[in-house]
Protein backbone atom coordinates (compact mmCIF):
# COMPACT_ATOMS: atom_id res chain seq x y z
CA MET A 1 46.30 -3.02 1.98
CA ASN A 2 43.84 -0.60 0.43
CA ARG A 3 42.88 -3.17 -2.15
CA LEU A 4 42.38 -5.81 0.55
CA LEU A 5 40.24 -3.39 2.54
CA LYS A 6 38.08 -2.69 -0.52
CA ILE A 7 37.57 -6.41 -1.06
CA VAL A 8 36.61 -6.92 2.58
CA LEU A 9 34.14 -4.04 2.44
CA LEU A 10 32.65 -5.33 -0.81
CA VAL A 11 32.15 -8.82 0.62
CA ALA A 12 30.57 -7.32 3.74
CA ALA A 13 28.22 -5.20 1.66
CA LEU A 14 27.17 -8.17 -0.45
CA GLY A 15 26.62 -10.20 2.69
CA ALA A 16 24.46 -7.48 4.19
CA ALA A 17 22.42 -7.24 1.02
CA SER A 18 21.92 -10.99 0.95
CA ALA A 19 20.85 -10.98 4.59
CA ALA A 20 18.37 -8.19 3.94
CA ALA A 21 16.95 -10.06 0.97
CA ALA A 22 16.67 -13.23 3.05
CA ASP A 23 14.52 -11.36 5.57
CA ASN A 24 11.81 -10.88 2.95
CA PRO A 25 9.31 -13.66 2.25
CA GLU A 26 8.88 -15.28 -1.13
CA LEU A 27 6.79 -13.17 -3.45
CA PRO A 28 3.30 -14.59 -4.09
CA LYS A 29 2.11 -15.72 -7.49
CA ILE A 30 -0.79 -13.57 -8.65
CA GLU A 31 -2.90 -13.30 -11.78
CA GLY A 32 -4.45 -10.50 -13.76
CA PRO A 33 -6.62 -8.69 -14.41
CA VAL A 34 -5.71 -6.46 -11.48
CA LEU A 35 -7.92 -3.85 -9.84
CA ILE A 36 -5.96 -0.89 -8.43
CA THR A 37 -7.67 1.27 -5.83
CA GLY A 38 -6.62 3.63 -3.05
CA PHE A 39 -7.41 3.08 0.59
CA GLY A 40 -7.29 6.76 1.59
CA GLN A 41 -7.08 8.34 -1.86
CA SER A 42 -3.39 9.23 -1.90
CA GLN A 43 -1.38 9.98 -5.04
CA ASP A 44 0.55 6.80 -4.35
CA THR A 45 -2.34 4.89 -5.94
CA ASN A 46 -1.86 6.64 -9.25
CA ASN A 47 1.88 6.02 -9.01
CA VAL A 48 1.14 2.29 -8.89
CA ASN A 49 -1.30 2.72 -11.77
CA ILE A 50 1.31 4.50 -13.91
CA LEU A 51 3.88 1.84 -13.13
CA CYS A 52 1.46 -0.94 -14.07
CA ARG A 53 0.68 0.78 -17.37
CA ARG A 54 4.38 1.02 -18.17
CA LEU A 55 4.77 -2.67 -17.33
CA LYS A 56 1.75 -3.44 -19.54
CA VAL A 57 -0.07 -5.09 -16.66
CA ASP A 58 -3.69 -5.98 -17.38
CA ALA A 59 -5.15 -3.63 -14.78
CA ASP A 60 -7.97 -1.17 -14.13
CA TYR A 61 -7.47 1.96 -12.05
CA LYS A 62 -10.54 2.85 -9.98
CA LEU A 63 -9.47 5.22 -7.24
CA ASP A 64 -12.71 5.61 -5.30
CA VAL A 65 -15.07 3.01 -6.77
CA PRO A 66 -17.65 1.47 -4.39
CA SER A 67 -17.57 -2.30 -4.07
CA ALA A 68 -21.13 -2.58 -5.35
CA GLU A 69 -20.08 -1.04 -8.67
CA ILE A 70 -17.24 -3.49 -9.26
CA ASP A 71 -17.69 -6.45 -11.57
CA TRP A 72 -15.65 -8.75 -9.36
CA SER A 73 -15.82 -11.56 -11.91
CA LYS A 74 -13.33 -9.56 -14.01
CA TYR A 75 -10.51 -9.53 -11.48
CA LYS A 76 -8.08 -11.98 -9.95
CA THR A 77 -6.02 -9.56 -7.84
CA LEU A 78 -6.58 -6.34 -5.93
CA PHE A 79 -3.79 -3.81 -5.38
CA ALA A 80 -4.91 -1.81 -2.32
CA VAL A 81 -2.64 1.21 -1.87
CA LEU A 82 -2.82 2.37 1.75
CA GLY A 83 -2.42 5.95 2.92
CA CYS A 84 -4.26 9.23 2.93
CA SER A 85 -3.13 12.29 1.01
CA SER A 86 -1.23 14.80 3.13
CA SER A 87 -2.84 17.52 1.03
CA VAL A 88 -6.60 18.01 0.88
CA TYR A 89 -8.08 14.69 -0.18
CA CYS A 90 -8.91 13.12 3.14
CA CYS A 91 -10.97 14.08 6.13
CA ALA A 92 -11.34 13.75 9.88
CA PHE A 93 -13.74 14.77 12.60
CA ASP A 94 -13.34 18.22 14.09
CA ALA A 95 -13.12 18.83 17.84
CA ASP A 96 -16.86 18.34 18.54
CA SER A 97 -16.88 15.02 16.65
CA THR A 98 -19.86 16.02 14.54
CA ALA A 99 -18.55 17.99 11.55
CA ILE A 100 -16.33 16.59 8.85
CA VAL A 101 -13.38 18.70 7.78
CA ILE A 102 -10.56 18.18 5.34
CA THR A 103 -7.19 17.70 6.97
CA ARG A 104 -3.67 18.61 5.98
CA ASP A 105 -0.96 16.71 7.85
CA GLY A 106 -3.57 15.67 10.38
CA LYS A 107 -4.70 19.24 11.12
CA PRO A 108 -8.11 20.72 10.25
CA SER A 109 -8.35 22.99 7.24
CA PRO A 110 -11.31 24.38 5.24
CA THR A 111 -13.60 21.80 3.68
CA VAL A 112 -13.14 21.55 -0.08
CA SER A 113 -14.38 18.05 -0.77
CA GLY A 114 -17.29 15.81 0.11
CA LEU A 115 -15.05 12.90 1.08
CA SER A 116 -15.58 11.72 4.64
CA ILE A 117 -13.06 9.57 6.43
CA LEU A 118 -15.91 7.37 7.64
CA ASP A 119 -17.28 6.94 4.13
CA GLU A 120 -13.85 6.13 2.75
CA ALA A 121 -13.06 3.63 5.52
CA ALA A 122 -16.46 1.98 4.97
CA ARG A 123 -15.77 1.79 1.21
CA CYS A 124 -12.42 0.14 1.87
CA ASP A 125 -14.01 -2.37 4.22
CA GLU A 126 -16.58 -3.29 1.57
CA ILE A 127 -13.83 -3.57 -1.06
CA VAL A 128 -11.98 -6.10 1.10
CA LYS A 129 -15.19 -8.06 1.73
CA GLY A 130 -15.97 -8.06 -1.99
CA ALA A 131 -12.52 -9.37 -2.82
CA ARG A 132 -12.81 -12.12 -0.23
CA GLU A 133 -16.28 -13.17 -1.40
CA HIS A 134 -15.09 -13.49 -4.98
CA GLY A 135 -11.72 -15.14 -4.37
CA VAL A 136 -9.70 -12.09 -5.40
CA LYS A 137 -6.20 -11.98 -3.88
CA VAL A 138 -5.46 -8.80 -1.93
CA ILE A 139 -1.99 -7.26 -2.21
CA ALA A 140 -1.72 -4.25 0.09
CA MET A 141 0.95 -1.60 -0.45
CA HIS A 142 2.19 1.28 1.67
CA ILE A 143 4.70 3.06 -0.53
CA GLY A 144 4.45 6.72 0.50
CA GLY A 145 6.87 6.48 3.41
CA GLU A 146 6.59 8.67 6.48
CA PRO A 147 4.19 11.22 4.88
CA ARG A 148 1.59 8.43 4.71
CA ARG A 149 1.95 7.73 8.43
CA LEU A 150 0.34 11.01 9.54
CA ASP A 151 -2.88 11.12 11.55
CA ASN A 152 -5.10 11.26 8.48
CA SER A 153 -3.71 7.91 7.26
CA LYS A 154 -4.30 6.03 10.51
CA PRO A 155 -7.79 4.72 9.64
CA PHE A 156 -6.42 3.02 6.52
CA LEU A 157 -3.24 1.39 7.80
CA PRO A 158 -5.00 -1.48 9.64
CA PHE A 159 -6.29 -2.82 6.32
CA ALA A 160 -2.82 -4.36 5.94
CA ALA A 161 -4.04 -7.00 8.38
CA SER A 162 -6.73 -8.06 5.87
CA ALA A 163 -4.32 -8.58 2.96
CA ASP A 164 -2.88 -11.79 1.58
CA PHE A 165 0.47 -10.04 1.17
CA MET A 166 1.84 -6.66 2.20
CA VAL A 167 4.54 -4.51 0.60
CA VAL A 168 5.88 -1.57 2.61
CA ARG A 169 8.52 1.03 1.92
CA LYS A 170 11.11 0.92 4.67
CA ASP A 171 10.74 4.53 5.80
CA GLY A 172 7.02 3.99 6.26
CA ASN A 173 7.73 1.23 8.77
CA ALA A 174 10.51 2.81 10.80
CA ASP A 175 8.58 2.22 14.02
CA GLY A 176 7.82 -1.40 13.13
CA TYR A 177 4.06 -0.77 12.92
CA PHE A 178 3.53 -2.99 9.89
CA THR A 179 5.98 -5.59 11.16
CA THR A 180 3.91 -6.08 14.30
CA LEU A 181 0.52 -5.81 12.58
CA CYS A 182 1.38 -8.31 9.86
CA ALA A 183 3.03 -10.74 12.28
CA GLU A 184 -0.04 -10.70 14.50
CA ASN A 185 -2.32 -11.44 11.56
CA GLY A 186 -0.16 -13.89 9.63
CA VAL A 187 0.34 -11.57 6.66
CA PRO A 188 3.70 -11.91 4.84
CA LEU A 189 5.47 -8.54 4.83
CA TYR A 190 7.90 -7.55 2.08
CA THR A 191 10.07 -4.47 2.66
CA ILE A 192 11.46 -2.29 -0.12
CA ASP A 193 13.84 0.64 0.14
CA LYS A 194 12.43 2.65 -2.76
CA THR A 195 9.06 2.80 -4.49
CA GLY A 196 10.77 2.11 -7.81
CA GLU A 197 11.53 -1.44 -6.66
CA LEU A 198 7.91 -2.27 -7.45
CA LYS A 199 8.82 -2.35 -11.14
CA LYS A 200 10.78 -5.53 -10.37
CA LEU A 201 8.38 -7.04 -7.83
CA ILE A 202 5.15 -6.76 -9.80
CA PRO A 203 6.37 -8.67 -12.91
CA VAL A 204 7.78 -11.42 -10.69
CA MET A 205 4.45 -11.77 -8.89
CA LEU A 206 2.62 -11.90 -12.21
CA GLY A 207 5.10 -14.34 -13.70
CA GLN A 208 6.03 -11.95 -16.52
C-alpha cells in the first residue's frame, strides 16, 4: 500500500510539473551579441551578467549606459533587467515633489547618489526606443522576487509591456501584476521558480 501510494504521488507530481511547464510559452529564438542593462539599477542585472559570462554568452554589461552612447549596430538582443535596488541606488520624490532623495524600501533616506528616478526612467525609455529603431529584440526579466516589487521599483515594472518576451520569477508575480500587464500588451510571459533556472533558459534561447 505504501509503495502504491508513493507511485500515485510521484505520478501526480510529474503531472503537476508537466502542467506547469505547459503554462509557459515557447522560448523565443534570439541572437548575440547581447546588451545587458538594468532598468532601475538593481544587483539583479549583474547577476544576469555573471551568469552570461559563465555561459560564455557574447554579451556586454552596461548598467547605466545612455541610449545615445550605444552602438546599436553591434547588438541583436537586449536583456533589460527590471527592478530598483532596495538599498541606496534608486530615488524618488520627497513629500513636496521637488527634491530628489534616495530611497530604501520605498522610504526616504539621505541622498548619497546623483541618480534620479526620472532620469533613470527616461534612460530606460530611450533604451527601448533605440532597440526598436535598430531591430534589437527586447527580453525583459524580473528576477529579484518580492524585494523588487517595492515602491522604488514601480516606475520600471511597466517596461515589461514594451518587451518582446518577459521572464519573471514566480514570487515577484504573486499578485499577478505581470500576468495582467503582459496579457494586455500581447507579451509572452515565462515564469520561473528560481533565478538559477536562467542558466537553462538562456542557452535554449540562443540555440547553444
